Amino acid sequence: GGFGTRLYPLTKSVSKQLLPINDKPMIFYPLSILMLSGIKDILIITSPRDKPSFMSLLGNGENLGISIEYIEQNEPKGIADAFLLGSNFIKDDSVTLILGDNLFFGYDLVSTFKNAIKDLKKATIFAYPVNNPSDYGVVELDKNNEVINIEEKPENPSSRYAVTGIYMYDNSILDIAKSIKPSERGELEITDVNKVYLDKNHLDAVIFGRGVAWLDTGSHQSLL
């Protein structure tokens, strides 16, 4: 993650993912998506400051019927850094990455994720139509919903489909994450990872339609 500066002073002393959404800490929502999708081995990547708080809240996951491990990210280095930090955890498996501040809700959502995991070829991303695509990674699709292009926060977006904060990859993600270079802002961008899969024609996209909500929590207004 980053420093959560857009939510200051709320996040000055506590992780954004521990803030309450209705009656639960934020992290419960992405955690429940993984659990409902049948994923039981989970690695939480957090800052050294916040690690004790997450451990106090969730422990080793035993009381939830899952296994939770933790690893520290000492400074924000981009989403794709998760695969470098988590390589010993992932080992030879395929992997799902979900951001702690993305909330998904809607009809048939769990079966959508389960089917994607079951049919995972190389990589799958999930797209959602938004009114402000310039704020996100944007995926362009052809008439068969095959991925044509993907770009990060474009000034002139080629579509209104934003790439949401859940990604599924085969085990080649570990080598791909090692191969990409930091962006101008010094981070390993998940869009660059997805571009490698796209160049190999190994990137699938699932479009969320009506009946599904994707909620971001990056600002005070969106958090409310």
Protein backbone atom coordinates (compact mmCIF):
# COMPACT_ATOMS: atom_id res chain seq x y z
CA GLY A 1 0.00 0.00 0.00
CA GLY A 2 0.83 3.67 0.10
CA PHE A 3 0.83 6.11 3.01
CA GLY A 4 -2.93 6.80 2.96
CA THR A 5 -2.25 10.54 2.82
CA ARG A 6 -5.51 11.30 1.00
CA LEU A 7 -7.35 10.23 4.15
CA TYR A 8 -5.29 12.24 6.66
CA PRO A 9 -5.76 12.68 9.57
CA LEU A 10 -7.82 9.46 9.75
CA THR A 11 -4.83 7.38 8.66
CA LYS A 12 -2.08 9.22 10.48
CA SER A 13 -2.07 6.68 13.30
CA VAL A 14 -4.03 3.72 11.89
CA SER A 15 -4.03 1.74 8.65
CA LYS A 16 -6.81 2.65 6.21
CA GLN A 17 -7.74 -1.02 5.99
CA LEU A 18 -8.57 -1.02 9.72
CA LEU A 19 -11.06 1.84 9.45
CA PRO A 20 -14.70 0.83 9.95
CA ILE A 21 -17.06 0.30 7.04
CA ASN A 22 -20.51 -0.01 8.60
CA ASP A 23 -19.96 -2.59 11.37
CA LYS A 24 -16.61 -4.15 10.38
CA PRO A 25 -13.00 -3.15 9.77
CA MET A 26 -12.42 -2.56 6.06
CA ILE A 27 -10.13 -5.58 5.64
CA PHE A 28 -13.00 -7.95 6.52
CA TYR A 29 -14.60 -7.25 3.14
CA PRO A 30 -11.74 -8.32 0.82
CA LEU A 31 -10.92 -11.13 3.24
CA SER A 32 -14.47 -12.45 2.93
CA ILE A 33 -14.20 -12.39 -0.88
CA LEU A 34 -11.14 -14.64 -0.72
CA MET A 35 -12.79 -16.98 1.79
CA LEU A 36 -16.02 -17.26 -0.21
CA SER A 37 -13.94 -17.98 -3.32
CA GLY A 38 -12.42 -20.99 -1.55
CA ILE A 39 -9.01 -19.46 -0.81
CA LYS A 40 -7.75 -20.45 2.63
CA ASP A 41 -4.02 -19.63 2.57
CA ILE A 42 -3.68 -15.86 2.85
CA LEU A 43 -0.71 -13.54 3.16
CA ILE A 44 -1.32 -10.03 4.47
CA ILE A 45 1.29 -7.50 3.37
CA THR A 46 1.45 -4.51 5.67
CA SER A 47 3.74 -1.87 7.09
CA PRO A 48 5.89 -2.52 10.19
CA ARG A 49 3.77 0.02 12.09
CA ASP A 50 0.46 -1.65 11.33
CA LYS A 51 1.44 -5.32 11.46
CA PRO A 52 0.73 -5.72 15.22
CA SER A 53 -2.77 -4.25 14.76
CA PHE A 54 -3.64 -6.69 11.98
CA MET A 55 -2.25 -9.57 14.01
CA SER A 56 -4.29 -8.49 17.02
CA LEU A 57 -7.45 -8.37 14.89
CA LEU A 58 -7.03 -11.54 12.83
CA GLY A 59 -4.33 -13.67 14.45
CA ASN A 60 -3.33 -16.69 12.38
CA GLY A 61 -6.85 -17.04 10.97
CA GLU A 62 -7.53 -20.30 12.78
CA ASN A 63 -10.78 -19.02 14.28
CA LEU A 64 -11.97 -18.22 10.74
CA GLY A 65 -11.00 -21.60 9.33
CA ILE A 66 -8.15 -20.16 7.27
CA SER A 67 -4.39 -19.71 7.55
CA ILE A 68 -3.04 -16.14 7.68
CA GLU A 69 0.60 -15.16 7.46
CA TYR A 70 2.10 -11.66 7.53
CA ILE A 71 4.98 -9.92 5.85
CA GLU A 72 6.21 -6.36 6.16
CA GLN A 73 6.62 -3.91 3.30
CA ASN A 74 8.96 -1.27 4.65
CA GLU A 75 7.99 1.41 2.12
CA PRO A 76 5.46 1.75 -0.71
CA LYS A 77 6.97 0.08 -3.78
CA GLY A 78 3.87 -0.62 -5.84
CA ILE A 79 1.26 -3.36 -5.99
CA ALA A 80 3.46 -5.73 -7.99
CA ASP A 81 6.04 -5.71 -5.17
CA ALA A 82 3.61 -8.07 -3.40
CA PHE A 83 4.83 -10.92 -5.59
CA LEU A 84 8.48 -10.30 -4.73
CA LEU A 85 7.68 -10.12 -1.03
CA GLY A 86 5.38 -13.13 -1.20
CA SER A 87 7.40 -15.44 -3.44
CA ASN A 88 8.25 -17.87 -0.63
CA PHE A 89 4.60 -17.93 0.39
CA ILE A 90 3.31 -18.52 -3.17
CA LYS A 91 5.92 -21.17 -4.00
CA ASP A 92 4.61 -23.20 -6.98
CA ASP A 93 0.96 -22.16 -6.74
CA SER A 94 -1.24 -19.83 -8.72
CA VAL A 95 -2.28 -16.75 -6.75
CA THR A 96 -4.99 -14.15 -6.25
CA LEU A 97 -4.09 -10.64 -5.17
CA ILE A 98 -6.83 -8.43 -3.71
CA LEU A 99 -6.35 -4.88 -2.47
CA GLY A 100 -7.41 -4.20 1.09
CA ASP A 101 -9.35 -1.05 0.18
CA ASN A 102 -11.48 -2.41 -2.68
CA LEU A 103 -15.00 -3.55 -1.83
CA PHE A 104 -17.05 -5.82 -4.10
CA PHE A 105 -20.72 -6.54 -3.65
CA GLY A 106 -23.39 -7.95 -5.87
CA TYR A 107 -25.29 -10.68 -7.60
CA ASP A 108 -23.44 -13.91 -8.47
CA LEU A 109 -20.13 -12.38 -7.41
CA VAL A 110 -18.69 -15.42 -5.66
CA SER A 111 -19.45 -17.80 -8.54
CA THR A 112 -17.77 -15.30 -10.89
CA PHE A 113 -14.55 -15.47 -8.88
CA LYS A 114 -14.77 -19.24 -8.38
CA ASN A 115 -15.23 -19.81 -12.11
CA ALA A 116 -12.27 -17.54 -12.89
CA ILE A 117 -10.06 -19.48 -10.48
CA LYS A 118 -11.23 -22.82 -11.91
CA ASP A 119 -10.63 -21.73 -15.53
CA LEU A 120 -7.47 -19.71 -14.88
CA LYS A 121 -5.26 -19.96 -17.98
CA LYS A 122 -2.51 -17.43 -17.26
CA ALA A 123 -3.95 -14.19 -15.86
CA THR A 124 -7.42 -12.75 -15.24
CA ILE A 125 -8.37 -9.18 -14.42
CA PHE A 126 -11.82 -7.81 -13.58
CA ALA A 127 -13.18 -4.66 -15.17
CA TYR A 128 -15.93 -2.28 -14.10
CA PRO A 129 -17.48 0.64 -16.02
CA VAL A 130 -16.78 4.01 -14.37
CA ASN A 131 -17.44 7.66 -15.17
CA ASN A 132 -13.86 8.74 -14.39
CA PRO A 133 -11.60 6.14 -16.06
CA SER A 134 -8.62 8.54 -16.08
CA ASP A 135 -8.27 7.86 -12.34
CA TYR A 136 -7.62 4.16 -12.86
CA GLY A 137 -5.90 1.53 -14.93
CA VAL A 138 -8.06 1.21 -18.04
CA VAL A 139 -8.62 -1.88 -20.18
CA GLU A 140 -9.75 -1.73 -23.81
CA LEU A 141 -11.71 -4.68 -25.19
CA ASP A 142 -12.79 -5.82 -28.64
CA LYS A 143 -16.33 -6.91 -29.55
CA ASN A 144 -15.62 -10.38 -28.13
CA ASN A 145 -14.43 -8.88 -24.83
CA GLU A 146 -10.84 -9.88 -25.59
CA VAL A 147 -8.22 -7.50 -24.16
CA ILE A 148 -6.70 -5.18 -26.77
CA ASN A 149 -4.86 -2.69 -24.59
CA ILE A 150 -4.31 -1.72 -20.98
CA GLU A 151 -2.93 1.60 -19.69
CA GLU A 152 -2.44 3.33 -16.35
CA LYS A 153 -4.45 6.52 -15.64
CA PRO A 154 -4.58 7.70 -19.28
CA GLU A 155 -5.42 11.32 -20.12
CA ASN A 156 -7.59 10.14 -23.00
CA PRO A 157 -9.02 6.75 -21.98
CA SER A 158 -9.79 4.27 -24.74
CA SER A 159 -12.70 2.85 -22.74
CA ARG A 160 -14.68 3.42 -19.54
CA TYR A 161 -13.64 0.07 -18.05
CA ALA A 162 -11.46 0.42 -14.97
CA VAL A 163 -9.32 -2.49 -13.78
CA THR A 164 -10.52 -3.34 -10.29
CA GLY A 165 -8.35 -4.35 -7.36
CA ILE A 166 -8.47 -8.13 -7.70
CA TYR A 167 -6.05 -10.03 -9.92
CA MET A 168 -5.51 -13.75 -10.58
CA TYR A 169 -2.25 -15.15 -11.96
CA ASP A 170 -0.57 -18.43 -12.72
CA ASN A 171 2.82 -19.12 -11.18
CA SER A 172 4.73 -17.32 -13.94
CA ILE A 173 3.79 -14.12 -12.09
CA LEU A 174 6.88 -14.60 -9.91
CA ASP A 175 9.29 -14.34 -12.86
CA ILE A 176 7.28 -11.54 -14.49
CA ALA A 177 7.31 -9.46 -11.30
CA LYS A 178 11.10 -9.83 -11.15
CA SER A 179 11.44 -8.66 -14.75
CA ILE A 180 9.54 -5.37 -14.63
CA LYS A 181 11.25 -2.08 -13.85
CA PRO A 182 10.02 0.64 -11.48
CA SER A 183 7.87 3.36 -13.06
CA GLU A 184 8.61 7.08 -13.00
CA ARG A 185 7.11 7.27 -9.52
CA GLY A 186 9.48 4.51 -8.38
CA GLU A 187 6.90 1.76 -8.01
CA LEU A 188 6.40 -1.67 -9.58
CA GLU A 189 3.13 -1.13 -11.40
CA ILE A 190 0.52 -3.88 -11.66
CA THR A 191 -0.39 -2.47 -15.08
CA ASP A 192 3.12 -3.31 -16.32
CA VAL A 193 2.65 -6.88 -15.09
CA ASN A 194 -0.65 -7.12 -16.95
CA LYS A 195 0.96 -5.75 -20.11
CA VAL A 196 3.48 -8.60 -20.08
CA TYR A 197 0.64 -11.12 -19.95
CA LEU A 198 -1.19 -9.20 -22.69
CA ASP A 199 1.89 -9.23 -24.95
CA LYS A 200 1.92 -13.03 -24.59
CA ASN A 201 -1.82 -13.17 -25.30
CA HIS A 202 -2.32 -14.61 -21.81
CA LEU A 203 -4.57 -11.95 -20.28
CA ASP A 204 -8.31 -12.52 -19.81
CA ALA A 205 -10.80 -9.91 -18.61
CA VAL A 206 -14.10 -10.48 -16.81
CA ILE A 207 -16.58 -7.60 -17.05
CA PHE A 208 -18.74 -6.82 -14.04
CA GLY A 209 -22.22 -5.93 -15.24
CA ARG A 210 -25.39 -4.67 -13.67
CA GLY A 211 -26.02 -5.92 -10.18
CA VAL A 212 -22.39 -5.65 -9.08
CA ALA A 213 -20.88 -2.72 -7.21
CA TRP A 214 -17.19 -2.00 -6.98
CA LEU A 215 -16.39 0.56 -4.30
CA ASP A 216 -13.10 2.34 -3.78
CA THR A 217 -12.19 3.96 -0.45
CA GLY A 218 -9.36 6.28 -1.43
CA SER A 219 -10.95 9.58 -0.45
CA HIS A 220 -13.11 10.83 2.42
CA GLN A 221 -16.16 11.04 0.16
CA SER A 222 -15.77 7.55 -1.29
CA LEU A 223 -15.10 6.15 2.19
CA LEU A 224 -18.43 7.57 3.35
